[in-house]
Amino acid sequence: MVNEWVQEEWKSYAEELGFALQRARERSGYSQKYVADKACISVFTYRKLEHGESNPGTPANPRLKTLVAISRVLEVPIQELLPHR
């Protein structure tokens, strides 16, 4: 079924985004709390993004505004955070 394929693709994309966030944050030397505070989101939300989730079992689907804020805090172009597909 097409919908199942789309769900699996999105889950994979969200996980790759999470890994990219984590790598960029670790390179910067920042804590999850620091990034979350500076991006004006909760630490819980940021942690979930790094795990590729929004709710348990639900792939992350962050707002563009959130991704832009995080990319600015991490001082990386947003393109560096987004998986290449």
PDB file of N, CA and C in Angstrom:
ATOM      1  N   MET A   1       0.837  -1.191   0.000  1.00  0.00           N
ATOM      2  CA  MET A   1       0.000   0.000   0.000  1.00  0.00           C
ATOM      3  C   MET A   1       0.884   1.258   0.000  1.00  0.00           C
ATOM      4  N   VAL A   2       0.519   2.228  -0.771  1.00  0.00           N
ATOM      5  CA  VAL A   2       1.312   3.454  -0.919  1.00  0.00           C
ATOM      6  C   VAL A   2       1.456   4.183   0.413  1.00  0.00           C
ATOM      7  N   ASN A   3       0.407   4.297   1.182  1.00  0.00           N
ATOM      8  CA  ASN A   3       0.458   5.023   2.445  1.00  0.00           C
ATOM      9  C   ASN A   3       1.473   4.409   3.402  1.00  0.00           C
ATOM     10  N   GLU A   4       1.569   3.086   3.447  1.00  0.00           N
ATOM     11  CA  GLU A   4       2.553   2.432   4.311  1.00  0.00           C
ATOM     12  C   GLU A   4       3.971   2.771   3.856  1.00  0.00           C
ATOM     13  N   TRP A   5       4.194   2.804   2.557  1.00  0.00           N
ATOM     14  CA  TRP A   5       5.506   3.153   2.021  1.00  0.00           C
ATOM     15  C   TRP A   5       5.866   4.587   2.409  1.00  0.00           C
ATOM     16  N   VAL A   6       4.908   5.489   2.270  1.00  0.00           N
ATOM     17  CA  VAL A   6       5.149   6.896   2.623  1.00  0.00           C
ATOM     18  C   VAL A   6       5.470   6.996   4.109  1.00  0.00           C
ATOM     19  N   GLN A   7       4.757   6.277   4.952  1.00  0.00           N
ATOM     20  CA  GLN A   7       5.010   6.307   6.397  1.00  0.00           C
ATOM     21  C   GLN A   7       6.424   5.825   6.716  1.00  0.00           C
ATOM     22  N   GLU A   8       6.854   4.736   6.083  1.00  0.00           N
ATOM     23  CA  GLU A   8       8.195   4.201   6.317  1.00  0.00           C
ATOM     24  C   GLU A   8       9.272   5.165   5.803  1.00  0.00           C
ATOM     25  N   GLU A   9       9.032   5.767   4.638  1.00  0.00           N
ATOM     26  CA  GLU A   9       9.978   6.752   4.093  1.00  0.00           C
ATOM     27  C   GLU A   9      10.117   7.932   5.048  1.00  0.00           C
ATOM     28  N   TRP A  10       8.982   8.424   5.567  1.00  0.00           N
ATOM     29  CA  TRP A  10       9.019   9.577   6.455  1.00  0.00           C
ATOM     30  C   TRP A  10       9.723   9.218   7.756  1.00  0.00           C
ATOM     31  N   LYS A  11       9.483   8.022   8.259  1.00  0.00           N
ATOM     32  CA  LYS A  11      10.145   7.578   9.483  1.00  0.00           C
ATOM     33  C   LYS A  11      11.660   7.572   9.276  1.00  0.00           C
ATOM     34  N   SER A  12      12.108   7.045   8.159  1.00  0.00           N
ATOM     35  CA  SER A  12      13.531   7.003   7.839  1.00  0.00           C
ATOM     36  C   SER A  12      14.094   8.425   7.712  1.00  0.00           C
ATOM     37  N   TYR A  13      13.367   9.300   7.052  1.00  0.00           N
ATOM     38  CA  TYR A  13      13.788  10.695   6.875  1.00  0.00           C
ATOM     39  C   TYR A  13      13.916  11.385   8.237  1.00  0.00           C
ATOM     40  N   ALA A  14      12.930  11.183   9.101  1.00  0.00           N
ATOM     41  CA  ALA A  14      12.936  11.809  10.427  1.00  0.00           C
ATOM     42  C   ALA A  14      14.112  11.311  11.259  1.00  0.00           C
ATOM     43  N   GLU A  15      14.442  10.029  11.133  1.00  0.00           N
ATOM     44  CA  GLU A  15      15.584   9.478  11.866  1.00  0.00           C
ATOM     45  C   GLU A  15      16.892  10.080  11.360  1.00  0.00           C
ATOM     46  N   GLU A  16      17.027  10.222  10.045  1.00  0.00           N
ATOM     47  CA  GLU A  16      18.231  10.832   9.474  1.00  0.00           C
ATOM     48  C   GLU A  16      18.363  12.291   9.920  1.00  0.00           C
ATOM     49  N   LEU A  17      17.256  13.004   9.952  1.00  0.00           N
ATOM     50  CA  LEU A  17      17.258  14.383  10.439  1.00  0.00           C
ATOM     51  C   LEU A  17      17.741  14.415  11.882  1.00  0.00           C
ATOM     52  N   GLY A  18      17.240  13.496  12.691  1.00  0.00           N
ATOM     53  CA  GLY A  18      17.648  13.427  14.090  1.00  0.00           C
ATOM     54  C   GLY A  18      19.143  13.192  14.250  1.00  0.00           C
ATOM     55  N   PHE A  19      19.689  12.273  13.446  1.00  0.00           N
ATOM     56  CA  PHE A  19      21.132  12.017  13.492  1.00  0.00           C
ATOM     57  C   PHE A  19      21.921  13.260  13.092  1.00  0.00           C
ATOM     58  N   ALA A  20      21.436  13.969  12.078  1.00  0.00           N
ATOM     59  CA  ALA A  20      22.119  15.189  11.624  1.00  0.00           C
ATOM     60  C   ALA A  20      22.094  16.259  12.716  1.00  0.00           C
ATOM     61  N   LEU A  21      20.974  16.393  13.402  1.00  0.00           N
ATOM     62  CA  LEU A  21      20.880  17.349  14.503  1.00  0.00           C
ATOM     63  C   LEU A  21      21.873  16.998  15.604  1.00  0.00           C
ATOM     64  N   GLN A  22      21.903  15.737  15.944  1.00  0.00           N
ATOM     65  CA  GLN A  22      22.801  15.291  17.003  1.00  0.00           C
ATOM     66  C   GLN A  22      24.270  15.520  16.622  1.00  0.00           C
ATOM     67  N   ARG A  23      24.642  15.156  15.406  1.00  0.00           N
ATOM     68  CA  ARG A  23      26.030  15.353  14.958  1.00  0.00           C
ATOM     69  C   ARG A  23      26.414  16.833  14.989  1.00  0.00           C
ATOM     70  N   ALA A  24      25.541  17.687  14.471  1.00  0.00           N
ATOM     71  CA  ALA A  24      25.828  19.130  14.440  1.00  0.00           C
ATOM     72  C   ALA A  24      25.935  19.684  15.855  1.00  0.00           C
ATOM     73  N   ARG A  25      25.062  19.232  16.730  1.00  0.00           N
ATOM     74  CA  ARG A  25      25.095  19.717  18.114  1.00  0.00           C
ATOM     75  C   ARG A  25      26.375  19.259  18.808  1.00  0.00           C
ATOM     76  N   GLU A  26      26.742  18.017  18.620  1.00  0.00           N
ATOM     77  CA  GLU A  26      27.954  17.504  19.254  1.00  0.00           C
ATOM     78  C   GLU A  26      29.200  18.213  18.724  1.00  0.00           C
ATOM     79  N   ARG A  27      29.229  18.506  17.422  1.00  0.00           N
ATOM     80  CA  ARG A  27      30.362  19.252  16.852  1.00  0.00           C
ATOM     81  C   ARG A  27      30.475  20.637  17.477  1.00  0.00           C
ATOM     82  N   SER A  28      29.319  21.222  17.775  1.00  0.00           N
ATOM     83  CA  SER A  28      29.320  22.568  18.352  1.00  0.00           C
ATOM     84  C   SER A  28      29.717  22.568  19.824  1.00  0.00           C
ATOM     85  N   GLY A  29      29.586  21.405  20.465  1.00  0.00           N
ATOM     86  CA  GLY A  29      29.898  21.320  21.891  1.00  0.00           C
ATOM     87  C   GLY A  29      28.750  21.762  22.790  1.00  0.00           C
ATOM     88  N   TYR A  30      27.580  21.964  22.208  1.00  0.00           N
ATOM     89  CA  TYR A  30      26.423  22.415  22.976  1.00  0.00           C
ATOM     90  C   TYR A  30      25.652  21.233  23.571  1.00  0.00           C
ATOM     91  N   SER A  31      24.980  21.513  24.677  1.00  0.00           N
ATOM     92  CA  SER A  31      24.081  20.517  25.263  1.00  0.00           C
ATOM     93  C   SER A  31      22.717  20.608  24.584  1.00  0.00           C
ATOM     94  N   GLN A  32      21.920  19.575  24.753  1.00  0.00           N
ATOM     95  CA  GLN A  32      20.565  19.614  24.213  1.00  0.00           C
ATOM     96  C   GLN A  32      19.792  20.767  24.841  1.00  0.00           C
ATOM     97  N   LYS A  33      19.989  20.991  26.137  1.00  0.00           N
ATOM     98  CA  LYS A  33      19.282  22.072  26.824  1.00  0.00           C
ATOM     99  C   LYS A  33      19.653  23.433  26.246  1.00  0.00           C
ATOM    100  N   TYR A  34      20.936  23.647  25.978  1.00  0.00           N
ATOM    101  CA  TYR A  34      21.381  24.916  25.415  1.00  0.00           C
ATOM    102  C   TYR A  34      20.709  25.169  24.064  1.00  0.00           C
ATOM    103  N   VAL A  35      20.750  24.171  23.184  1.00  0.00           N
ATOM    104  CA  VAL A  35      20.149  24.331  21.851  1.00  0.00           C
ATOM    105  C   VAL A  35      18.657  24.603  21.979  1.00  0.00           C
ATOM    106  N   ALA A  36      17.990  23.827  22.818  1.00  0.00           N
ATOM    107  CA  ALA A  36      16.543  24.005  22.990  1.00  0.00           C
ATOM    108  C   ALA A  36      16.216  25.403  23.513  1.00  0.00           C
ATOM    109  N   ASP A  37      16.937  25.827  24.548  1.00  0.00           N
ATOM    110  CA  ASP A  37      16.684  27.157  25.123  1.00  0.00           C
ATOM    111  C   ASP A  37      16.882  28.261  24.089  1.00  0.00           C
ATOM    112  N   LYS A  38      17.997  28.201  23.358  1.00  0.00           N
ATOM    113  CA  LYS A  38      18.290  29.243  22.374  1.00  0.00           C
ATOM    114  C   LYS A  38      17.322  29.204  21.189  1.00  0.00           C
ATOM    115  N   ALA A  39      16.774  28.021  20.859  1.00  0.00           N
ATOM    116  CA  ALA A  39      15.825  27.895  19.748  1.00  0.00           C
ATOM    117  C   ALA A  39      14.387  28.120  20.212  1.00  0.00           C
ATOM    118  N   CYS A  40      14.216  28.392  21.491  1.00  0.00           N
ATOM    119  CA  CYS A  40      12.887  28.652  22.074  1.00  0.00           C
ATOM    120  C   CYS A  40      11.939  27.461  21.933  1.00  0.00           C
ATOM    121  N   ILE A  41      12.482  26.273  22.182  1.00  0.00           N
ATOM    122  CA  ILE A  41      11.642  25.067  22.239  1.00  0.00           C
ATOM    123  C   ILE A  41      11.992  24.333  23.530  1.00  0.00           C
ATOM    124  N   SER A  42      11.153  23.399  23.918  1.00  0.00           N
ATOM    125  CA  SER A  42      11.425  22.664  25.147  1.00  0.00           C
ATOM    126  C   SER A  42      12.540  21.645  24.916  1.00  0.00           C
ATOM    127  N   VAL A  43      13.229  21.302  25.986  1.00  0.00           N
ATOM    128  CA  VAL A  43      14.266  20.280  25.910  1.00  0.00           C
ATOM    129  C   VAL A  43      13.642  18.964  25.478  1.00  0.00           C
ATOM    130  N   PHE A  44      12.446  18.668  25.972  1.00  0.00           N
ATOM    131  CA  PHE A  44      11.734  17.444  25.599  1.00  0.00           C
ATOM    132  C   PHE A  44      11.535  17.388  24.088  1.00  0.00           C
ATOM    133  N   THR A  45      11.076  18.487  23.513  1.00  0.00           N
ATOM    134  CA  THR A  45      10.853  18.540  22.066  1.00  0.00           C
ATOM    135  C   THR A  45      12.160  18.342  21.316  1.00  0.00           C
ATOM    136  N   TYR A  46      13.219  19.001  21.759  1.00  0.00           N
ATOM    137  CA  TYR A  46      14.498  18.860  21.066  1.00  0.00           C
ATOM    138  C   TYR A  46      15.007  17.427  21.151  1.00  0.00           C
ATOM    139  N   ARG A  47      14.916  16.824  22.309  1.00  0.00           N
ATOM    140  CA  ARG A  47      15.370  15.433  22.462  1.00  0.00           C
ATOM    141  C   ARG A  47      14.603  14.509  21.532  1.00  0.00           C
ATOM    142  N   LYS A  48      13.298  14.730  21.433  1.00  0.00           N
ATOM    143  CA  LYS A  48      12.472  13.903  20.550  1.00  0.00           C
ATOM    144  C   LYS A  48      12.910  14.090  19.096  1.00  0.00           C
ATOM    145  N   LEU A  49      13.233  15.308  18.706  1.00  0.00           N
ATOM    146  CA  LEU A  49      13.697  15.553  17.337  1.00  0.00           C
ATOM    147  C   LEU A  49      14.985  14.784  17.050  1.00  0.00           C
ATOM    148  N   GLU A  50      15.900  14.784  18.010  1.00  0.00           N
ATOM    149  CA  GLU A  50      17.143  14.043  17.808  1.00  0.00           C
ATOM    150  C   GLU A  50      16.894  12.542  17.683  1.00  0.00           C
ATOM    151  N   HIS A  51      15.789  12.076  18.245  1.00  0.00           N
ATOM    152  CA  HIS A  51      15.430  10.659  18.128  1.00  0.00           C
ATOM    153  C   HIS A  51      14.509  10.393  16.938  1.00  0.00           C
ATOM    154  N   GLY A  52      14.190  11.438  16.178  1.00  0.00           N
ATOM    155  CA  GLY A  52      13.353  11.268  15.000  1.00  0.00           C
ATOM    156  C   GLY A  52      11.886  11.060  15.306  1.00  0.00           C
ATOM    157  N   GLU A  53      11.461  11.457  16.489  1.00  0.00           N
ATOM    158  CA  GLU A  53      10.071  11.255  16.908  1.00  0.00           C
ATOM    159  C   GLU A  53       9.426  12.567  17.334  1.00  0.00           C
ATOM    160  N   SER A  54       8.096  12.587  17.267  1.00  0.00           N
ATOM    161  CA  SER A  54       7.367  13.677  17.897  1.00  0.00           C
ATOM    162  C   SER A  54       6.619  13.127  19.099  1.00  0.00           C
ATOM    163  N   ASN A  55       5.941  12.020  18.934  1.00  0.00           N
ATOM    164  CA  ASN A  55       5.307  11.260  20.011  1.00  0.00           C
ATOM    165  C   ASN A  55       5.799   9.831  19.863  1.00  0.00           C
ATOM    166  N   PRO A  56       5.708   9.026  20.918  1.00  0.00           N
ATOM    167  CA  PRO A  56       6.168   7.637  20.777  1.00  0.00           C
ATOM    168  C   PRO A  56       5.542   6.950  19.561  1.00  0.00           C
ATOM    169  N   GLY A  57       6.403   6.453  18.690  1.00  0.00           N
ATOM    170  CA  GLY A  57       5.935   5.738  17.511  1.00  0.00           C
ATOM    171  C   GLY A  57       5.511   6.618  16.354  1.00  0.00           C
ATOM    172  N   THR A  58       5.630   7.931  16.519  1.00  0.00           N
ATOM    173  CA  THR A  58       5.242   8.867  15.467  1.00  0.00           C
ATOM    174  C   THR A  58       6.484   9.615  14.985  1.00  0.00           C
ATOM    175  N   PRO A  59       6.798   9.531  13.687  1.00  0.00           N
ATOM    176  CA  PRO A  59       7.979  10.231  13.179  1.00  0.00           C
ATOM    177  C   PRO A  59       7.878  11.745  13.385  1.00  0.00           C
ATOM    178  N   ALA A  60       9.012  12.358  13.622  1.00  0.00           N
ATOM    179  CA  ALA A  60       9.062  13.814  13.802  1.00  0.00           C
ATOM    180  C   ALA A  60       8.586  14.526  12.543  1.00  0.00           C
ATOM    181  N   ASN A  61       7.950  15.646  12.737  1.00  0.00           N
ATOM    182  CA  ASN A  61       7.505  16.486  11.644  1.00  0.00           C
ATOM    183  C   ASN A  61       7.618  17.945  12.110  1.00  0.00           C
ATOM    184  N   PRO A  62       8.868  18.405  12.315  1.00  0.00           N
ATOM    185  CA  PRO A  62       9.065  19.742  12.880  1.00  0.00           C
ATOM    186  C   PRO A  62       8.657  20.848  11.919  1.00  0.00           C
ATOM    187  N   ARG A  63       8.275  21.957  12.505  1.00  0.00           N
ATOM    188  CA  ARG A  63       7.941  23.137  11.710  1.00  0.00           C
ATOM    189  C   ARG A  63       9.219  23.717  11.112  1.00  0.00           C
ATOM    190  N   LEU A  64       9.068  24.342   9.983  1.00  0.00           N
ATOM    191  CA  LEU A  64      10.204  24.990   9.338  1.00  0.00           C
ATOM    192  C   LEU A  64      10.814  26.034  10.275  1.00  0.00           C
ATOM    193  N   LYS A  65       9.970  26.771  10.975  1.00  0.00           N
ATOM    194  CA  LYS A  65      10.435  27.793  11.918  1.00  0.00           C
ATOM    195  C   LYS A  65      11.358  27.165  12.976  1.00  0.00           C
ATOM    196  N   THR A  66      11.007  25.984  13.449  1.00  0.00           N
ATOM    197  CA  THR A  66      11.816  25.286  14.447  1.00  0.00           C
ATOM    198  C   THR A  66      13.165  24.883  13.859  1.00  0.00           C
ATOM    199  N   LEU A  67      13.152  24.327  12.642  1.00  0.00           N
ATOM    200  CA  LEU A  67      14.400  23.919  11.996  1.00  0.00           C
ATOM    201  C   LEU A  67      15.315  25.111  11.716  1.00  0.00           C
ATOM    202  N   VAL A  68      14.738  26.214  11.307  1.00  0.00           N
ATOM    203  CA  VAL A  68      15.536  27.426  11.053  1.00  0.00           C
ATOM    204  C   VAL A  68      16.162  27.915  12.363  1.00  0.00           C
ATOM    205  N   ALA A  69      15.377  27.918  13.431  1.00  0.00           N
ATOM    206  CA  ALA A  69      15.898  28.367  14.724  1.00  0.00           C
ATOM    207  C   ALA A  69      17.046  27.470  15.187  1.00  0.00           C
ATOM    208  N   ILE A  70      16.874  26.169  15.053  1.00  0.00           N
ATOM    209  CA  ILE A  70      17.926  25.237  15.465  1.00  0.00           C
ATOM    210  C   ILE A  70      19.174  25.413  14.606  1.00  0.00           C
ATOM    211  N   SER A  71      18.993  25.566  13.308  1.00  0.00           N
ATOM    212  CA  SER A  71      20.155  25.724  12.429  1.00  0.00           C
ATOM    213  C   SER A  71      20.927  26.999  12.779  1.00  0.00           C
ATOM    214  N   ARG A  72      20.222  28.031  13.175  1.00  0.00           N
ATOM    215  CA  ARG A  72      20.898  29.278  13.566  1.00  0.00           C
ATOM    216  C   ARG A  72      21.677  29.102  14.861  1.00  0.00           C
ATOM    217  N   VAL A  73      21.072  28.396  15.816  1.00  0.00           N
ATOM    218  CA  VAL A  73      21.765  28.145  17.079  1.00  0.00           C
ATOM    219  C   VAL A  73      23.034  27.326  16.825  1.00  0.00           C
ATOM    220  N   LEU A  74      22.916  26.304  15.974  1.00  0.00           N
ATOM    221  CA  LEU A  74      24.047  25.428  15.694  1.00  0.00           C
ATOM    222  C   LEU A  74      25.028  26.041  14.688  1.00  0.00           C
ATOM    223  N   GLU A  75      24.624  27.177  14.112  1.00  0.00           N
ATOM    224  CA  GLU A  75      25.447  27.889  13.125  1.00  0.00           C
ATOM    225  C   GLU A  75      25.815  27.005  11.936  1.00  0.00           C
ATOM    226  N   VAL A  76      24.811  26.292  11.430  1.00  0.00           N
ATOM    227  CA  VAL A  76      24.971  25.464  10.230  1.00  0.00           C
ATOM    228  C   VAL A  76      23.832  25.786   9.269  1.00  0.00           C
ATOM    229  N   PRO A  77      24.087  25.715   7.985  1.00  0.00           N
ATOM    230  CA  PRO A  77      22.993  25.919   7.032  1.00  0.00           C
ATOM    231  C   PRO A  77      21.937  24.825   7.209  1.00  0.00           C
ATOM    232  N   ILE A  78      20.706  25.195   7.069  1.00  0.00           N
ATOM    233  CA  ILE A  78      19.626  24.229   7.245  1.00  0.00           C
ATOM    234  C   ILE A  78      19.790  23.044   6.288  1.00  0.00           C
ATOM    235  N   GLN A  79      20.365  23.289   5.118  1.00  0.00           N
ATOM    236  CA  GLN A  79      20.575  22.211   4.144  1.00  0.00           C
ATOM    237  C   GLN A  79      21.476  21.115   4.708  1.00  0.00           C
ATOM    238  N   GLU A  80      22.363  21.496   5.605  1.00  0.00           N
ATOM    239  CA  GLU A  80      23.257  20.516   6.217  1.00  0.00           C
ATOM    240  C   GLU A  80      22.518  19.579   7.163  1.00  0.00           C
ATOM    241  N   LEU A  81      21.395  20.033   7.677  1.00  0.00           N
ATOM    242  CA  LEU A  81      20.606  19.222   8.607  1.00  0.00           C
ATOM    243  C   LEU A  81      19.619  18.303   7.889  1.00  0.00           C
ATOM    244  N   LEU A  82      19.150  18.736   6.737  1.00  0.00           N
ATOM    245  CA  LEU A  82      18.137  17.960   6.010  1.00  0.00           C
ATOM    246  C   LEU A  82      18.764  16.806   5.247  1.00  0.00           C
ATOM    247  N   PRO A  83      18.162  15.612   5.372  1.00  0.00           N
ATOM    248  CA  PRO A  83      18.682  14.467   4.609  1.00  0.00           C
ATOM    249  C   PRO A  83      18.586  14.724   3.121  1.00  0.00           C
ATOM    250  N   HIS A  84      19.572  14.240   2.394  1.00  0.00           N
ATOM    251  CA  HIS A  84      19.595  14.398   0.928  1.00  0.00           C
ATOM    252  C   HIS A  84      18.874  13.215   0.310  1.00  0.00           C
ATOM    253  N   ARG A  85      17.842  13.498  -0.420  1.00  0.00           N
ATOM    254  CA  ARG A  85      17.061  12.436  -1.069  1.00  0.00           C
ATOM    255  C   ARG A  85      16.745  12.853  -2.471  1.00  0.00           C
TER     256      ARG A  85
END
